[in-house]
Amino acid sequence: LDELEATLASKTNVEEELSAKELSGFISRFLDTLDKKNRILFVR
């Protein structure tokens, strides 16, 4: 969680900025841009 904090942290609360579902959609689309090995690393 600490590793991801710098990437996902925002000045406002995440719930105020985007719903969890929207953020999840962004991350899912991002994962589609990665090659298989990197996608596996990220998810695991």
All heavy atoms as atom14 arrays in JSON, in Angstrom:
{
  "sequence": "LDELEATLASKTNVEEELSAKELSGFISRFLDTLDKKNRILFVR",
  "atom14_mask": [
    [1, 1, 1, 1, 1, 1, 1, 1, 0, 0, 0, 0, 0, 0],
    [1, 1, 1, 1, 1, 1, 1, 1, 0, 0, 0, 0, 0, 0],
    [1, 1, 1, 1, 1, 1, 1, 1, 1, 0, 0, 0, 0, 0],
    [1, 1, 1, 1, 1, 1, 1, 1, 0, 0, 0, 0, 0, 0],
    [1, 1, 1, 1, 1, 1, 1, 1, 1, 0, 0, 0, 0, 0],
    [1, 1, 1, 1, 1, 0, 0, 0, 0, 0, 0, 0, 0, 0],
    [1, 1, 1, 1, 1, 1, 1, 0, 0, 0, 0, 0, 0, 0],
    [1, 1, 1, 1, 1, 1, 1, 1, 0, 0, 0, 0, 0, 0],
    [1, 1, 1, 1, 1, 0, 0, 0, 0, 0, 0, 0, 0, 0],
    [1, 1, 1, 1, 1, 1, 0, 0, 0, 0, 0, 0, 0, 0],
    [1, 1, 1, 1, 1, 1, 1, 1, 1, 0, 0, 0, 0, 0],
    [1, 1, 1, 1, 1, 1, 1, 0, 0, 0, 0, 0, 0, 0],
    [1, 1, 1, 1, 1, 1, 1, 1, 0, 0, 0, 0, 0, 0],
    [1, 1, 1, 1, 1, 1, 1, 0, 0, 0, 0, 0, 0, 0],
    [1, 1, 1, 1, 1, 1, 1, 1, 1, 0, 0, 0, 0, 0],
    [1, 1, 1, 1, 1, 1, 1, 1, 1, 0, 0, 0, 0, 0],
    [1, 1, 1, 1, 1, 1, 1, 1, 1, 0, 0, 0, 0, 0],
    [1, 1, 1, 1, 1, 1, 1, 1, 0, 0, 0, 0, 0, 0],
    [1, 1, 1, 1, 1, 1, 0, 0, 0, 0, 0, 0, 0, 0],
    [1, 1, 1, 1, 1, 0, 0, 0, 0, 0, 0, 0, 0, 0],
    [1, 1, 1, 1, 1, 1, 1, 1, 1, 0, 0, 0, 0, 0],
    [1, 1, 1, 1, 1, 1, 1, 1, 1, 0, 0, 0, 0, 0],
    [1, 1, 1, 1, 1, 1, 1, 1, 0, 0, 0, 0, 0, 0],
    [1, 1, 1, 1, 1, 1, 0, 0, 0, 0, 0, 0, 0, 0],
    [1, 1, 1, 1, 0, 0, 0, 0, 0, 0, 0, 0, 0, 0],
    [1, 1, 1, 1, 1, 1, 1, 1, 1, 1, 1, 0, 0, 0],
    [1, 1, 1, 1, 1, 1, 1, 1, 0, 0, 0, 0, 0, 0],
    [1, 1, 1, 1, 1, 1, 0, 0, 0, 0, 0, 0, 0, 0],
    [1, 1, 1, 1, 1, 1, 1, 1, 1, 1, 1, 0, 0, 0],
    [1, 1, 1, 1, 1, 1, 1, 1, 1, 1, 1, 0, 0, 0],
    [1, 1, 1, 1, 1, 1, 1, 1, 0, 0, 0, 0, 0, 0],
    [1, 1, 1, 1, 1, 1, 1, 1, 0, 0, 0, 0, 0, 0],
    [1, 1, 1, 1, 1, 1, 1, 0, 0, 0, 0, 0, 0, 0],
    [1, 1, 1, 1, 1, 1, 1, 1, 0, 0, 0, 0, 0, 0],
    [1, 1, 1, 1, 1, 1, 1, 1, 0, 0, 0, 0, 0, 0],
    [1, 1, 1, 1, 1, 1, 1, 1, 1, 0, 0, 0, 0, 0],
    [1, 1, 1, 1, 1, 1, 1, 1, 1, 0, 0, 0, 0, 0],
    [1, 1, 1, 1, 1, 1, 1, 1, 0, 0, 0, 0, 0, 0],
    [1, 1, 1, 1, 1, 1, 1, 1, 1, 1, 1, 0, 0, 0],
    [1, 1, 1, 1, 1, 1, 1, 1, 0, 0, 0, 0, 0, 0],
    [1, 1, 1, 1, 1, 1, 1, 1, 0, 0, 0, 0, 0, 0],
    [1, 1, 1, 1, 1, 1, 1, 1, 1, 1, 1, 0, 0, 0],
    [1, 1, 1, 1, 1, 1, 1, 0, 0, 0, 0, 0, 0, 0],
    [1, 1, 1, 1, 1, 1, 1, 1, 1, 1, 1, 0, 0, 0]
  ],
  "atom14_positions": [
    [[0.82, -1.2, 0.0], [0.0, 0.0, 0.0], [0.86, 1.26, 0.0], [0.54, 2.23, -0.68], [-0.93, 0.01, 1.22], [-2.11, -0.94, 1.19], [-2.92, -0.81, 2.46], [-2.99, -0.7, -0.02], [0.0, 0.0, 0.0], [0.0, 0.0, 0.0], [0.0, 0.0, 0.0], [0.0, 0.0, 0.0], [0.0, 0.0, 0.0], [0.0, 0.0, 0.0]],
    [[1.94, 1.23, 0.76], [2.85, 2.38, 0.78], [3.43, 2.66, -0.59], [3.6, 3.82, -0.98], [3.98, 2.16, 1.79], [3.51, 2.25, 3.23], [2.39, 2.73, 3.47], [4.28, 1.81, 4.11], [0.0, 0.0, 0.0], [0.0, 0.0, 0.0], [0.0, 0.0, 0.0], [0.0, 0.0, 0.0], [0.0, 0.0, 0.0], [0.0, 0.0, 0.0]],
    [[3.75, 1.61, -1.35], [4.3, 1.77, -2.69], [3.32, 2.5, -3.6], [3.7, 3.34, -4.41], [4.66, 0.42, -3.3], [5.84, -0.25, -2.64], [6.06, -1.67, -3.13], [5.33, -2.13, -4.03], [6.97, -2.33, -2.61], [0.0, 0.0, 0.0], [0.0, 0.0, 0.0], [0.0, 0.0, 0.0], [0.0, 0.0, 0.0], [0.0, 0.0, 0.0]],
    [[2.05, 2.16, -3.49], [1.04, 2.77, -4.35], [0.6, 4.15, -3.87], [0.06, 4.93, -4.65], [-0.2, 1.87, -4.43], [-0.17, 0.77, -5.47], [-1.44, -0.05, -5.4], [0.03, 1.31, -6.86], [0.0, 0.0, 0.0], [0.0, 0.0, 0.0], [0.0, 0.0, 0.0], [0.0, 0.0, 0.0], [0.0, 0.0, 0.0], [0.0, 0.0, 0.0]],
    [[0.83, 4.45, -2.61], [0.34, 5.69, -2.03], [0.78, 6.92, -2.82], [-0.01, 7.81, -3.1], [0.8, 5.81, -0.59], [0.24, 7.02, 0.14], [0.68, 7.04, 1.58], [0.07, 6.33, 2.38], [1.64, 7.76, 1.88], [0.0, 0.0, 0.0], [0.0, 0.0, 0.0], [0.0, 0.0, 0.0], [0.0, 0.0, 0.0], [0.0, 0.0, 0.0]],
    [[2.05, 6.97, -3.18], [2.55, 8.15, -3.9], [1.9, 8.29, -5.27], [1.71, 9.39, -5.77], [4.06, 8.06, -4.05], [0.0, 0.0, 0.0], [0.0, 0.0, 0.0], [0.0, 0.0, 0.0], [0.0, 0.0, 0.0], [0.0, 0.0, 0.0], [0.0, 0.0, 0.0], [0.0, 0.0, 0.0], [0.0, 0.0, 0.0], [0.0, 0.0, 0.0]],
    [[1.52, 7.18, -5.87], [0.9, 7.21, -7.18], [-0.56, 7.64, -7.1], [-1.02, 8.43, -7.92], [0.97, 5.81, -7.84], [2.34, 5.41, -7.88], [0.38, 5.82, -9.22], [0.0, 0.0, 0.0], [0.0, 0.0, 0.0], [0.0, 0.0, 0.0], [0.0, 0.0, 0.0], [0.0, 0.0, 0.0], [0.0, 0.0, 0.0], [0.0, 0.0, 0.0]],
    [[-1.28, 7.15, -6.11], [-2.72, 7.37, -6.05], [-3.13, 8.51, -5.12], [-4.28, 8.9, -5.12], [-3.43, 6.09, -5.61], [-3.24, 4.9, -6.53], [-3.95, 3.68, -5.96], [-3.74, 5.2, -7.92], [0.0, 0.0, 0.0], [0.0, 0.0, 0.0], [0.0, 0.0, 0.0], [0.0, 0.0, 0.0], [0.0, 0.0, 0.0], [0.0, 0.0, 0.0]],
    [[-2.2, 9.03, -4.34], [-2.55, 10.08, -3.39], [-2.98, 11.34, -4.13], [-2.45, 11.66, -5.18], [-1.35, 10.38, -2.49], [0.0, 0.0, 0.0], [0.0, 0.0, 0.0], [0.0, 0.0, 0.0], [0.0, 0.0, 0.0], [0.0, 0.0, 0.0], [0.0, 0.0, 0.0], [0.0, 0.0, 0.0], [0.0, 0.0, 0.0], [0.0, 0.0, 0.0]],
    [[-3.96, 12.0, -3.58], [-4.4, 13.26, -4.16], [-4.59, 14.28, -3.05], [-4.61, 13.94, -1.88], [-5.7, 13.06, -4.94], [-6.76, 12.83, -4.06], [0.0, 0.0, 0.0], [0.0, 0.0, 0.0], [0.0, 0.0, 0.0], [0.0, 0.0, 0.0], [0.0, 0.0, 0.0], [0.0, 0.0, 0.0], [0.0, 0.0, 0.0], [0.0, 0.0, 0.0]],
    [[-4.75, 15.54, -3.43], [-4.92, 16.6, -2.44], [-6.25, 16.47, -1.73], [-6.42, 16.92, -0.62], [-4.81, 17.96, -3.13], [-3.42, 18.21, -3.68], [-3.35, 19.53, -4.4], [-1.97, 19.74, -4.98], [-1.93, 19.86, -6.4], [0.0, 0.0, 0.0], [0.0, 0.0, 0.0], [0.0, 0.0, 0.0], [0.0, 0.0, 0.0], [0.0, 0.0, 0.0]],
    [[-7.21, 15.89, -2.4], [-8.52, 15.68, -1.78], [-8.73, 14.19, -1.58], [-7.99, 13.37, -2.08], [-9.64, 16.22, -2.69], [-9.58, 15.56, -3.94], [-9.52, 17.71, -2.89], [0.0, 0.0, 0.0], [0.0, 0.0, 0.0], [0.0, 0.0, 0.0], [0.0, 0.0, 0.0], [0.0, 0.0, 0.0], [0.0, 0.0, 0.0], [0.0, 0.0, 0.0]],
    [[-9.75, 13.88, -0.85], [-10.08, 12.49, -0.59], [-10.44, 11.8, -1.91], [-11.13, 12.38, -2.74], [-11.28, 12.48, 0.37], [-11.56, 11.13, 0.93], [-11.42, 10.12, 0.25], [-11.97, 11.11, 2.18], [0.0, 0.0, 0.0], [0.0, 0.0, 0.0], [0.0, 0.0, 0.0], [0.0, 0.0, 0.0], [0.0, 0.0, 0.0], [0.0, 0.0, 0.0]],
    [[-9.99, 10.55, -2.05], [-10.25, 9.81, -3.29], [-11.74, 9.7, -3.56], [-12.19, 9.84, -4.69], [-9.59, 8.4, -3.23], [-10.01, 7.55, -4.42], [-8.09, 8.52, -3.18], [0.0, 0.0, 0.0], [0.0, 0.0, 0.0], [0.0, 0.0, 0.0], [0.0, 0.0, 0.0], [0.0, 0.0, 0.0], [0.0, 0.0, 0.0], [0.0, 0.0, 0.0]],
    [[-12.54, 9.51, -2.5], [-13.99, 9.41, -2.69], [-14.57, 10.7, -3.24], [-15.55, 10.68, -3.97], [-14.7, 9.04, -1.38], [-14.48, 7.61, -0.94], [-13.18, 7.41, -0.19], [-12.58, 8.38, 0.27], [-12.75, 6.26, -0.1], [0.0, 0.0, 0.0], [0.0, 0.0, 0.0], [0.0, 0.0, 0.0], [0.0, 0.0, 0.0], [0.0, 0.0, 0.0]],
    [[-13.99, 11.85, -2.86], [-14.46, 13.13, -3.38], [-14.02, 13.33, -4.82], [-14.72, 13.94, -5.61], [-13.92, 14.28, -2.52], [-14.45, 14.29, -1.11], [-13.71, 15.27, -0.22], [-12.88, 16.04, -0.74], [-13.95, 15.25, 0.98], [0.0, 0.0, 0.0], [0.0, 0.0, 0.0], [0.0, 0.0, 0.0], [0.0, 0.0, 0.0], [0.0, 0.0, 0.0]],
    [[-12.85, 12.84, -5.15], [-12.3, 13.05, -6.48], [-12.97, 12.15, -7.52], [-13.37, 12.58, -8.57], [-10.78, 12.79, -6.46], [-10.06, 13.18, -7.71], [-10.11, 14.67, -7.99], [-10.03, 15.46, -7.05], [-10.26, 15.02, -9.16], [0.0, 0.0, 0.0], [0.0, 0.0, 0.0], [0.0, 0.0, 0.0], [0.0, 0.0, 0.0], [0.0, 0.0, 0.0]],
    [[-13.02, 10.89, -7.24], [-13.62, 9.91, -8.15], [-14.25, 8.8, -7.33], [-13.77, 8.49, -6.26], [-12.53, 9.24, -9.02], [-11.82, 10.08, -10.05], [-10.66, 9.3, -10.63], [-12.76, 10.46, -11.16], [0.0, 0.0, 0.0], [0.0, 0.0, 0.0], [0.0, 0.0, 0.0], [0.0, 0.0, 0.0], [0.0, 0.0, 0.0], [0.0, 0.0, 0.0]],
    [[-15.25, 8.2, -7.85], [-15.79, 7.04, -7.15], [-14.79, 5.89, -7.3], [-13.97, 5.87, -8.21], [-17.14, 6.64, -7.72], [-16.98, 6.01, -8.97], [0.0, 0.0, 0.0], [0.0, 0.0, 0.0], [0.0, 0.0, 0.0], [0.0, 0.0, 0.0], [0.0, 0.0, 0.0], [0.0, 0.0, 0.0], [0.0, 0.0, 0.0], [0.0, 0.0, 0.0]],
    [[-14.85, 4.95, -6.38], [-13.95, 3.8, -6.45], [-14.13, 3.06, -7.77], [-13.16, 2.53, -8.33], [-14.21, 2.87, -5.28], [0.0, 0.0, 0.0], [0.0, 0.0, 0.0], [0.0, 0.0, 0.0], [0.0, 0.0, 0.0], [0.0, 0.0, 0.0], [0.0, 0.0, 0.0], [0.0, 0.0, 0.0], [0.0, 0.0, 0.0], [0.0, 0.0, 0.0]],
    [[-15.33, 3.05, -8.27], [-15.59, 2.36, -9.54], [-14.88, 3.04, -10.7], [-14.32, 2.38, -11.57], [-17.1, 2.3, -9.79], [-17.49, 1.4, -10.92], [-18.99, 1.24, -10.98], [-19.35, 0.2, -12.02], [-20.76, -0.12, -12.02], [0.0, 0.0, 0.0], [0.0, 0.0, 0.0], [0.0, 0.0, 0.0], [0.0, 0.0, 0.0], [0.0, 0.0, 0.0]],
    [[-14.86, 4.37, -10.71], [-14.16, 5.1, -11.77], [-12.66, 4.86, -11.7], [-12.01, 4.6, -12.72], [-14.45, 6.59, -11.68], [-15.86, 6.96, -12.07], [-16.17, 8.41, -11.8], [-15.79, 8.92, -10.74], [-16.81, 9.03, -12.68], [0.0, 0.0, 0.0], [0.0, 0.0, 0.0], [0.0, 0.0, 0.0], [0.0, 0.0, 0.0], [0.0, 0.0, 0.0]],
    [[-12.11, 4.92, -10.49], [-10.67, 4.67, -10.33], [-10.34, 3.24, -10.74], [-9.34, 3.0, -11.42], [-10.24, 4.92, -8.88], [-8.75, 4.72, -8.58], [-7.88, 5.61, -9.47], [-8.48, 4.98, -7.11], [0.0, 0.0, 0.0], [0.0, 0.0, 0.0], [0.0, 0.0, 0.0], [0.0, 0.0, 0.0], [0.0, 0.0, 0.0], [0.0, 0.0, 0.0]],
    [[-11.2, 2.32, -10.37], [-11.02, 0.93, -10.77], [-11.0, 0.8, -12.29], [-10.19, 0.07, -12.86], [-12.15, 0.08, -10.18], [-12.14, -1.21, -10.71], [0.0, 0.0, 0.0], [0.0, 0.0, 0.0], [0.0, 0.0, 0.0], [0.0, 0.0, 0.0], [0.0, 0.0, 0.0], [0.0, 0.0, 0.0], [0.0, 0.0, 0.0], [0.0, 0.0, 0.0]],
    [[-11.88, 1.54, -12.96], [-11.91, 1.53, -14.42], [-10.63, 2.06, -15.02], [-10.09, 1.51, -15.99], [0.0, 0.0, 0.0], [0.0, 0.0, 0.0], [0.0, 0.0, 0.0], [0.0, 0.0, 0.0], [0.0, 0.0, 0.0], [0.0, 0.0, 0.0], [0.0, 0.0, 0.0], [0.0, 0.0, 0.0], [0.0, 0.0, 0.0], [0.0, 0.0, 0.0]],
    [[-10.11, 3.16, -14.45], [-8.84, 3.71, -14.92], [-7.72, 2.67, -14.78], [-6.92, 2.48, -15.69], [-8.45, 4.96, -14.12], [-9.17, 6.21, -14.51], [-9.5, 7.15, -13.55], [-9.52, 6.47, -15.83], [-10.16, 8.32, -13.89], [-10.17, 7.64, -16.18], [-10.5, 8.57, -15.21], [0.0, 0.0, 0.0], [0.0, 0.0, 0.0], [0.0, 0.0, 0.0]],
    [[-7.67, 2.03, -13.61], [-6.61, 1.06, -13.38], [-6.76, -0.14, -14.31], [-5.78, -0.64, -14.85], [-6.56, 0.64, -11.89], [-6.11, 1.84, -11.05], [-5.63, -0.55, -11.68], [-6.19, 1.64, -9.55], [0.0, 0.0, 0.0], [0.0, 0.0, 0.0], [0.0, 0.0, 0.0], [0.0, 0.0, 0.0], [0.0, 0.0, 0.0], [0.0, 0.0, 0.0]],
    [[-7.98, -0.59, -14.53], [-8.2, -1.71, -15.45], [-7.75, -1.36, -16.86], [-7.1, -2.18, -17.53], [-9.68, -2.1, -15.48], [-10.06, -2.68, -14.27], [0.0, 0.0, 0.0], [0.0, 0.0, 0.0], [0.0, 0.0, 0.0], [0.0, 0.0, 0.0], [0.0, 0.0, 0.0], [0.0, 0.0, 0.0], [0.0, 0.0, 0.0], [0.0, 0.0, 0.0]],
    [[-8.1, -0.17, -17.31], [-7.66, 0.25, -18.65], [-6.14, 0.39, -18.7], [-5.51, 0.05, -19.7], [-8.37, 1.53, -19.06], [-9.85, 1.3, -19.4], [-10.52, 2.52, -20.0], [-10.58, 3.66, -19.1], [-11.5, 3.84, -18.15], [-12.46, 2.93, -17.98], [-11.5, 4.92, -17.4], [0.0, 0.0, 0.0], [0.0, 0.0, 0.0], [0.0, 0.0, 0.0]],
    [[-5.54, 0.88, -17.62], [-4.09, 0.98, -17.56], [-3.45, -0.41, -17.67], [-2.48, -0.6, -18.41], [-3.64, 1.66, -16.26], [-2.17, 1.54, -16.01], [-1.26, 2.29, -16.76], [-1.67, 0.67, -15.06], [0.1, 2.17, -16.55], [-0.32, 0.55, -14.83], [0.57, 1.3, -15.58], [0.0, 0.0, 0.0], [0.0, 0.0, 0.0], [0.0, 0.0, 0.0]],
    [[-4.01, -1.36, -16.96], [-3.46, -2.73, -17.0], [-3.51, -3.3, -18.41], [-2.63, -4.07, -18.8], [-4.2, -3.64, -16.02], [-3.93, -3.37, -14.54], [-4.83, -4.23, -13.67], [-2.47, -3.58, -14.19], [0.0, 0.0, 0.0], [0.0, 0.0, 0.0], [0.0, 0.0, 0.0], [0.0, 0.0, 0.0], [0.0, 0.0, 0.0], [0.0, 0.0, 0.0]],
    [[-4.51, -2.92, -19.18], [-4.61, -3.37, -20.57], [-3.46, -2.85, -21.42], [-3.16, -3.42, -22.47], [-5.94, -2.94, -21.2], [-7.12, -3.71, -20.65], [-6.92, -4.81, -20.1], [-8.25, -3.2, -20.76], [0.0, 0.0, 0.0], [0.0, 0.0, 0.0], [0.0, 0.0, 0.0], [0.0, 0.0, 0.0], [0.0, 0.0, 0.0], [0.0, 0.0, 0.0]],
    [[-2.81, -1.77, -20.99], [-1.69, -1.21, -21.76], [-0.37, -1.92, -21.46], [0.6, -1.71, -22.17], [-1.51, 0.3, -21.47], [-1.02, 0.49, -20.14], [-2.8, 1.07, -21.69], [0.0, 0.0, 0.0], [0.0, 0.0, 0.0], [0.0, 0.0, 0.0], [0.0, 0.0, 0.0], [0.0, 0.0, 0.0], [0.0, 0.0, 0.0], [0.0, 0.0, 0.0]],
    [[-0.34, -2.72, -20.4], [0.89, -3.39, -20.0], [1.04, -4.73, -20.7], [0.04, -5.38, -21.04], [0.9, -3.63, -18.48], [0.85, -2.41, -17.57], [0.78, -2.85, -16.12], [2.04, -1.5, -17.82], [0.0, 0.0, 0.0], [0.0, 0.0, 0.0], [0.0, 0.0, 0.0], [0.0, 0.0, 0.0], [0.0, 0.0, 0.0], [0.0, 0.0, 0.0]],
    [[2.29, -5.17, -20.84], [2.5, -6.52, -21.35], [2.12, -7.52, -20.26], [1.94, -7.16, -19.09], [3.94, -6.72, -21.84], [4.97, -6.61, -20.72], [4.8, -7.25, -19.67], [5.97, -5.88, -20.91], [0.0, 0.0, 0.0], [0.0, 0.0, 0.0], [0.0, 0.0, 0.0], [0.0, 0.0, 0.0], [0.0, 0.0, 0.0], [0.0, 0.0, 0.0]],
    [[1.99, -8.77, -20.63], [1.48, -9.8, -19.73], [2.32, -9.91, -18.45], [1.78, -9.99, -17.35], [1.44, -11.15, -20.45], [0.85, -12.26, -19.62], [0.77, -13.56, -20.41], [0.19, -14.66, -19.55], [0.08, -15.91, -20.28], [0.0, 0.0, 0.0], [0.0, 0.0, 0.0], [0.0, 0.0, 0.0], [0.0, 0.0, 0.0], [0.0, 0.0, 0.0]],
    [[3.63, -9.91, -18.58], [4.51, -10.1, -17.42], [4.34, -8.95, -16.42], [4.24, -9.18, -15.21], [5.96, -10.2, -17.89], [6.88, -10.86, -16.91], [8.23, -11.13, -17.56], [8.85, -12.35, -16.93], [10.09, -12.76, -17.56], [0.0, 0.0, 0.0], [0.0, 0.0, 0.0], [0.0, 0.0, 0.0], [0.0, 0.0, 0.0], [0.0, 0.0, 0.0]],
    [[4.31, -7.72, -16.92], [4.14, -6.57, -16.03], [2.75, -6.53, -15.41], [2.59, -6.15, -14.25], [4.45, -5.27, -16.76], [5.93, -5.07, -16.96], [6.76, -5.63, -16.25], [6.28, -4.28, -17.96], [0.0, 0.0, 0.0], [0.0, 0.0, 0.0], [0.0, 0.0, 0.0], [0.0, 0.0, 0.0], [0.0, 0.0, 0.0], [0.0, 0.0, 0.0]],
    [[1.75, -6.94, -16.17], [0.38, -6.99, -15.64], [0.3, -8.01, -14.5], [-0.28, -7.74, -13.45], [-0.59, -7.34, -16.77], [-2.04, -7.19, -16.39], [-3.0, -7.29, -17.57], [-2.69, -8.33, -18.53], [-2.25, -8.11, -19.77], [-2.07, -6.91, -20.22], [-2.01, -9.12, -20.58], [0.0, 0.0, 0.0], [0.0, 0.0, 0.0], [0.0, 0.0, 0.0]],
    [[0.92, -9.16, -14.69], [0.94, -10.19, -13.64], [1.65, -9.67, -12.4], [1.17, -9.84, -11.28], [1.58, -11.49, -14.16], [0.66, -12.16, -15.18], [1.9, -12.44, -13.02], [1.3, -13.3, -15.96], [0.0, 0.0, 0.0], [0.0, 0.0, 0.0], [0.0, 0.0, 0.0], [0.0, 0.0, 0.0], [0.0, 0.0, 0.0], [0.0, 0.0, 0.0]],
    [[2.8, -9.02, -12.59], [3.53, -8.46, -11.46], [2.66, -7.47, -10.68], [2.59, -7.53, -9.45], [4.8, -7.74, -11.93], [6.0, -8.62, -12.27], [7.11, -7.79, -12.91], [6.51, -9.33, -11.03], [0.0, 0.0, 0.0], [0.0, 0.0, 0.0], [0.0, 0.0, 0.0], [0.0, 0.0, 0.0], [0.0, 0.0, 0.0], [0.0, 0.0, 0.0]],
    [[2.02, -6.55, -11.38], [1.2, -5.54, -10.74], [0.05, -6.17, -9.95], [-0.16, -5.84, -8.77], [0.65, -4.56, -11.79], [-0.1, -3.4, -11.21], [0.56, -2.23, -10.9], [-1.47, -3.47, -10.97], [-0.12, -1.15, -10.35], [-2.16, -2.4, -10.43], [-1.48, -1.23, -10.11], [0.0, 0.0, 0.0], [0.0, 0.0, 0.0], [0.0, 0.0, 0.0]],
    [[-0.68, -7.05, -10.58], [-1.84, -7.67, -9.92], [-1.42, -8.52, -8.74], [-2.02, -8.44, -7.66], [-2.68, -8.49, -10.94], [-3.75, -9.3, -10.24], [-3.3, -7.54, -11.96], [0.0, 0.0, 0.0], [0.0, 0.0, 0.0], [0.0, 0.0, 0.0], [0.0, 0.0, 0.0], [0.0, 0.0, 0.0], [0.0, 0.0, 0.0], [0.0, 0.0, 0.0]],
    [[-0.37, -9.32, -8.93], [0.06, -10.17, -7.82], [0.6, -9.35, -6.65], [0.44, -9.72, -5.5], [1.09, -11.18, -8.29], [0.44, -12.27, -9.16], [1.35, -13.38, -9.43], [1.7, -14.04, -8.18], [1.86, -15.34, -8.05], [1.72, -16.12, -9.07], [2.21, -15.86, -6.89], [0.0, 0.0, 0.0], [0.0, 0.0, 0.0], [0.0, 0.0, 0.0]]
  ]
}
